[in-house]
Amino acid sequence: PDDYTALVSQQLTFTSGQSSSGDNTQCFDVDVKDDNVYEGQLPLAFEMFSVHLTSDSSSVAINSTLANATVTIFDNDIVEIGFNQSSYQTTEMAGSVAVCAKLISG
């Protein structure tokens, strides 16, 4: 499962002259889900998605080196295991003892 909610379209609006006034940044949020699903060991435990800038206006030029960004979400989930009980008993005559472990989370 994806750890983020995809945005099909997000509109950013800039006012002419903003770049010279210093107030030239527009941001938007992409919701990230903390899903409690173990997705592998680091450094491979991550998901990535790309964000692209486009414009429908011929008067807006998209800087080709800054038109794409990649977001990486690193997995923070761990697998936790443990024994079903803290001690086990058997006799020599039994020949074996079943020692059980269980998945607690992950």
Protein backbone atom coordinates (compact mmCIF):
# COMPACT_ATOMS: atom_id res chain seq x y z
CA PRO A 1 0.00 0.00 0.00
CA ASP A 2 1.13 3.52 -0.69
CA ASP A 3 2.20 5.65 2.26
CA TYR A 4 0.86 8.83 0.71
CA THR A 5 -2.28 10.26 -0.84
CA ALA A 6 -1.77 11.15 -4.49
CA LEU A 7 -2.72 14.61 -5.69
CA VAL A 8 -3.91 14.73 -9.26
CA SER A 9 -3.79 18.49 -9.47
CA GLN A 10 -2.83 21.28 -7.11
CA GLN A 11 -2.93 24.88 -8.29
CA LEU A 12 -0.31 27.36 -7.13
CA THR A 13 -0.89 31.04 -7.84
CA PHE A 14 1.86 33.63 -7.95
CA THR A 15 1.37 37.38 -8.22
CA SER A 16 3.49 39.27 -10.70
CA GLY A 17 6.41 40.93 -8.94
CA GLN A 18 6.56 38.46 -6.02
CA SER A 19 10.06 37.28 -6.93
CA SER A 20 11.54 40.72 -6.21
CA SER A 21 9.63 41.20 -2.93
CA GLY A 22 11.01 38.00 -1.38
CA ASP A 23 7.55 36.44 -0.92
CA ASN A 24 7.97 34.03 -3.81
CA THR A 25 7.32 30.57 -2.36
CA GLN A 26 4.10 28.57 -2.56
CA CYS A 27 3.77 25.21 -0.79
CA PHE A 28 1.27 22.37 -0.72
CA ASP A 29 0.91 19.35 1.52
CA VAL A 30 0.94 15.69 0.52
CA ASP A 31 -0.59 13.57 3.26
CA VAL A 32 1.76 10.83 4.51
CA LYS A 33 0.25 7.74 6.16
CA ASP A 34 1.85 6.02 9.15
CA ASP A 35 0.54 2.58 8.24
CA ASN A 36 2.25 0.20 10.74
CA VAL A 37 3.23 -2.04 7.82
CA TYR A 38 6.83 -3.28 7.79
CA GLU A 39 8.20 -2.62 4.31
CA GLY A 40 11.71 -4.07 4.51
CA GLN A 41 15.08 -3.43 6.07
CA LEU A 42 16.92 -0.16 5.63
CA PRO A 43 18.31 1.07 3.34
CA LEU A 44 15.59 -0.48 1.15
CA ALA A 45 12.64 0.37 3.39
CA PHE A 46 11.22 3.36 1.59
CA GLU A 47 8.71 4.51 -0.97
CA MET A 48 9.20 7.30 -3.49
CA PHE A 49 7.00 9.48 -5.63
CA SER A 50 7.60 12.33 -8.03
CA VAL A 51 6.10 15.79 -8.21
CA HIS A 52 6.02 17.70 -11.51
CA LEU A 53 5.36 21.35 -12.27
CA THR A 54 3.33 22.15 -15.37
CA SER A 55 1.60 25.23 -16.70
CA ASP A 56 -1.32 25.80 -19.04
CA SER A 57 -0.21 29.37 -19.65
CA SER A 58 2.15 30.29 -22.46
CA SER A 59 3.35 33.24 -20.36
CA VAL A 60 4.71 30.95 -17.61
CA ALA A 61 8.03 29.20 -18.18
CA ILE A 62 8.89 26.20 -16.03
CA ASN A 63 12.59 26.05 -15.11
CA SER A 64 13.69 22.75 -16.68
CA THR A 65 16.17 21.89 -13.92
CA LEU A 66 13.63 22.60 -11.15
CA ALA A 67 10.47 21.22 -12.76
CA ASN A 68 10.59 17.83 -11.02
CA ALA A 69 11.09 16.78 -7.41
CA THR A 70 11.29 13.37 -5.77
CA VAL A 71 9.90 12.69 -2.31
CA THR A 72 11.22 9.72 -0.31
CA ILE A 73 9.25 8.29 2.62
CA PHE A 74 11.38 6.10 4.88
CA ASP A 75 9.65 3.25 6.71
CA ASN A 76 9.53 3.70 10.48
CA ASP A 77 7.79 0.41 11.20
CA ILE A 78 9.56 -2.48 12.86
CA VAL A 79 8.71 -6.13 13.17
CA GLU A 80 8.43 -7.22 16.79
CA ILE A 81 8.53 -10.87 17.71
CA GLY A 82 8.60 -12.70 21.01
CA PHE A 83 8.19 -16.09 22.59
CA ASN A 84 4.68 -17.20 23.50
CA GLN A 85 5.83 -17.76 27.07
CA SER A 86 8.95 -17.06 29.11
CA SER A 87 9.78 -20.67 30.07
CA TYR A 88 9.26 -24.16 28.73
CA GLN A 89 9.61 -27.54 30.43
CA THR A 90 10.05 -31.05 29.15
CA THR A 91 11.54 -34.35 30.15
CA GLU A 92 14.50 -36.15 28.61
CA MET A 93 12.15 -38.95 27.63
CA ALA A 94 9.97 -36.60 25.50
CA GLY A 95 12.67 -36.28 22.87
CA SER A 96 11.81 -32.66 21.99
CA VAL A 97 10.06 -29.56 23.23
CA ALA A 98 7.98 -27.11 21.18
CA VAL A 99 9.27 -23.59 21.76
CA CYS A 100 6.93 -21.10 20.09
CA ALA A 101 7.52 -17.53 18.94
CA LYS A 102 4.88 -15.16 17.65
CA LEU A 103 4.65 -12.02 15.57
CA ILE A 104 3.60 -9.19 17.89
CA SER A 105 3.53 -6.34 15.41
CA GLY A 106 4.63 -5.60 11.88
